Protein backbone atom coordinates (compact mmCIF):
# COMPACT_ATOMS: atom_id res chain seq x y z
CA MET A 1 -42.14 155.17 -20.51
CA SER A 2 -44.67 154.20 -23.01
CA SER A 3 -47.17 151.32 -22.42
CA LYS A 4 -45.68 149.66 -25.51
CA THR A 5 -42.44 149.21 -23.94
CA MET A 6 -43.86 148.57 -20.48
CA PHE A 7 -45.56 145.39 -21.67
CA ASN A 8 -43.21 144.38 -24.17
CA TRP A 9 -42.82 140.99 -22.55
CA TRP A 10 -46.34 140.43 -23.36
CA SER A 11 -45.39 140.16 -27.03
CA SER A 12 -42.70 137.63 -26.65
CA PRO A 13 -43.90 133.94 -27.02
CA GLU A 14 -40.81 132.66 -25.11
CA THR A 15 -41.56 134.92 -22.12
CA VAL A 16 -45.31 133.90 -21.95
CA THR A 17 -44.28 130.19 -22.40
CA ASN A 18 -41.86 130.57 -19.46
CA ILE A 19 -44.33 132.27 -17.22
CA ASN A 20 -47.04 129.84 -17.99
CA PHE A 21 -44.59 126.91 -17.20
CA TYR A 22 -43.80 128.43 -13.65
CA VAL A 23 -47.42 129.40 -12.87
CA GLY A 24 -48.46 125.88 -13.72
CA TRP A 25 -45.89 124.31 -11.48
CA ALA A 26 -46.83 126.87 -8.60
CA ILE A 27 -50.53 125.71 -9.06
CA VAL A 28 -49.32 122.09 -8.69
CA ALA A 29 -47.19 122.75 -5.63
CA LEU A 30 -50.06 124.80 -4.03
CA ALA A 31 -52.65 121.72 -4.69
CA LEU A 32 -50.00 119.40 -3.05
CA VAL A 33 -49.57 121.63 0.01
CA ALA A 34 -53.44 121.86 0.24
CA ALA A 35 -53.58 117.90 0.18
CA ILE A 36 -51.09 117.59 2.83
CA PHE A 37 -52.94 120.28 5.01
CA GLN A 38 -56.19 118.37 4.50
CA GLN A 39 -54.56 115.05 5.43
CA ARG A 40 -53.15 116.48 8.62
CA LEU A 41 -56.50 118.09 9.45
CA SER A 42 -58.21 114.59 9.07
CA VAL A 43 -55.51 112.96 11.34
CA LEU A 44 -55.92 115.66 14.07
CA GLN A 45 -59.69 115.37 14.00
CA ARG A 46 -59.46 111.46 14.30
CA THR A 47 -57.11 111.91 17.23
CA LYS A 48 -59.50 114.48 18.84
CA GLU A 49 -62.37 112.23 18.52
CA SER A 50 -60.79 108.97 19.64
CA PRO A 51 -61.05 108.08 23.28
CA ARG A 52 -58.04 108.27 25.58
CA ILE A 53 -56.53 104.89 26.29
CA ILE A 54 -53.57 103.67 28.63
CA SER A 55 -51.32 101.61 26.41
CA ALA A 56 -49.09 98.80 27.82
CA ASP A 57 -46.00 100.98 27.48
CA GLN A 58 -47.71 103.72 29.47
CA ARG A 59 -48.91 101.28 32.13
CA ARG A 60 -45.36 100.04 32.45
CA ALA A 61 -43.84 103.37 32.73
CA PHE A 62 -46.31 104.41 35.45
CA LEU A 63 -45.68 101.32 37.51
CA GLU A 64 -41.97 101.50 37.13
CA THR A 65 -41.95 105.19 38.13
CA LEU A 66 -43.89 104.42 41.34
CA GLU A 67 -41.68 101.56 42.49
CA ASP A 68 -40.47 102.09 46.25
CA THR A 69 -42.63 105.24 46.50
CA PRO A 70 -45.21 105.62 49.33
CA ARG A 71 -48.79 104.20 48.94
CA GLY A 72 -52.09 105.31 50.23
CA ALA A 73 -55.79 106.26 49.51
CA VAL A 74 -56.39 108.26 46.45
CA LYS A 75 -59.73 109.36 45.23
CA VAL A 76 -60.51 109.45 41.32
CA SER A 77 -62.98 112.29 40.35
CA VAL A 78 -64.43 112.76 37.02
CA PHE A 79 -66.17 115.59 34.96
CA SER A 80 -69.74 114.48 35.08
CA GLY A 81 -71.82 113.81 31.86
CA ASN A 82 -69.06 112.66 29.44
CA SER A 83 -68.70 109.03 28.86
CA GLU A 84 -65.18 109.32 27.46
CA THR A 85 -64.01 110.99 30.65
CA HIS A 86 -65.69 108.55 32.79
CA ALA A 87 -64.10 105.68 30.83
CA PHE A 88 -60.54 107.26 31.12
CA ALA A 89 -61.12 107.85 34.88
CA LEU A 90 -62.02 104.13 35.33
CA MET A 91 -58.66 103.22 33.53
CA ILE A 92 -56.63 105.59 35.92
CA ARG A 93 -58.55 104.04 38.86
CA ASP A 94 -57.46 100.50 37.77
CA LEU A 95 -53.94 101.61 37.13
CA LEU A 96 -53.86 103.07 40.60
CA ARG A 97 -55.14 99.95 42.14
CA GLU A 98 -52.57 97.86 40.21
CA ALA A 99 -49.77 100.05 41.50
CA GLY A 100 -51.18 99.33 45.04
CA TYR A 101 -53.18 102.48 45.82
CA THR A 102 -56.56 102.28 47.60
CA THR A 103 -59.26 103.82 45.49
CA PRO A 104 -63.10 103.94 45.76
CA ASP A 105 -65.09 101.76 43.43
CA GLU A 106 -66.50 104.39 41.53
CA PRO A 107 -65.03 107.66 40.59
CA GLU A 108 -66.73 110.70 42.24
CA GLY A 109 -68.55 113.09 39.70
CA PHE A 110 -68.29 116.80 39.72
CA LEU A 111 -69.82 119.64 37.85
CA LEU A 112 -68.43 123.17 37.26
CA PHE A 113 -70.17 126.14 36.40
CA GLY A 114 -68.18 127.92 33.73
CA ALA A 115 -65.49 126.33 31.80
CA PRO A 116 -65.18 122.54 32.07
CA ALA A 117 -62.12 120.89 33.48
CA VAL A 118 -59.72 119.73 31.07
CA GLY A 119 -57.03 117.21 31.15
CA VAL A 120 -55.88 115.48 34.37
CA ALA A 121 -54.95 117.21 37.68
CA ILE A 122 -53.91 116.06 41.31
CA SER A 123 -55.70 118.03 43.91
CA CYS A 124 -54.89 118.27 47.54
CA LYS A 125 -55.48 120.75 50.33
CA ASN A 126 -52.23 122.65 50.17
CA PRO A 127 -50.44 122.24 46.68
CA SER A 128 -47.29 124.01 47.89
CA ALA A 129 -46.95 121.47 50.72
CA PRO A 130 -48.58 118.47 49.44
CA PRO A 131 -48.94 115.06 51.09
CA PRO A 132 -46.04 112.51 50.00
CA LEU A 133 -48.21 110.90 47.46
CA VAL A 134 -48.59 113.72 45.17
CA GLU A 135 -45.15 114.16 43.79
CA PRO A 136 -44.65 110.35 42.71
CA LEU A 137 -47.94 110.22 41.29
CA ARG A 138 -47.34 113.49 39.16
CA LEU A 139 -44.03 111.93 38.06
CA ALA A 140 -45.71 108.72 37.05
CA PHE A 141 -48.34 110.44 34.94
CA ARG A 142 -45.30 112.51 33.27
CA ALA A 143 -43.63 109.31 32.61
CA MET A 144 -46.86 108.18 30.64
CA GLY A 145 -46.76 111.40 28.71
CA ILE A 146 -49.73 112.88 30.61
CA SER A 147 -49.00 116.35 31.79
CA VAL A 148 -50.65 116.69 35.24
CA LYS A 149 -51.11 120.14 37.04
CA ARG A 150 -51.60 120.48 40.70
CA GLN A 151 -54.55 122.05 42.08
CA LYS A 152 -56.21 122.89 45.44
CA GLU A 153 -58.79 120.71 46.96
CA PRO A 154 -61.87 122.60 48.00
CA ASP A 155 -61.94 124.14 51.44
CA GLY A 156 -62.85 121.75 54.15
CA ALA A 157 -61.08 118.85 52.62
CA ASP A 158 -58.99 116.63 54.83
CA GLU A 159 -55.03 117.44 54.86
CA ASP A 160 -54.20 113.98 53.53
CA ILE A 161 -56.75 113.68 50.85
CA VAL A 162 -55.26 113.25 47.21
CA THR A 163 -57.54 113.30 44.44
CA ILE A 164 -56.94 112.46 40.64
CA VAL A 165 -59.26 114.88 38.82
CA VAL A 166 -60.03 113.68 35.17
CA GLY A 167 -61.42 116.45 32.92
CA LEU A 168 -62.39 116.56 29.33
CA LYS A 169 -60.01 115.33 26.75
CA GLU A 170 -57.60 118.31 25.59
């Protein structure tokens, strides 16, 4: 096949006009997609940077889930050195008190060597056979939309100690 017939479309004004039309629309579509992705990125960054809060709906869901469940002492522990995490731990402490739990006045701070704690966890001495407070609290956090994992309390902890561990924002 000769190069003259291979590029025959290049000599046709109609074909070049059609290709130009479709390429122009493709560029507009790509620009629109890029603008949508930029907007989404902006929303995600604002969400990540904003502090965690407990809304009235979350509060109501938490309290309703805990109706007719056992109460007792619960410690709140917070990843030290982060003001957002400390403020959220205080909100959780206040919510626990409103629900009828006994909590210390100030969350206990902790430091980790290695990767920092992220999210919220419930710790107890034996997570596979937890005290009766653990499961209702886990379900109450779930009703708020907060996924809470169970973890083991450090060795030497009392059998009945339940701690809500507040880590960095995910």
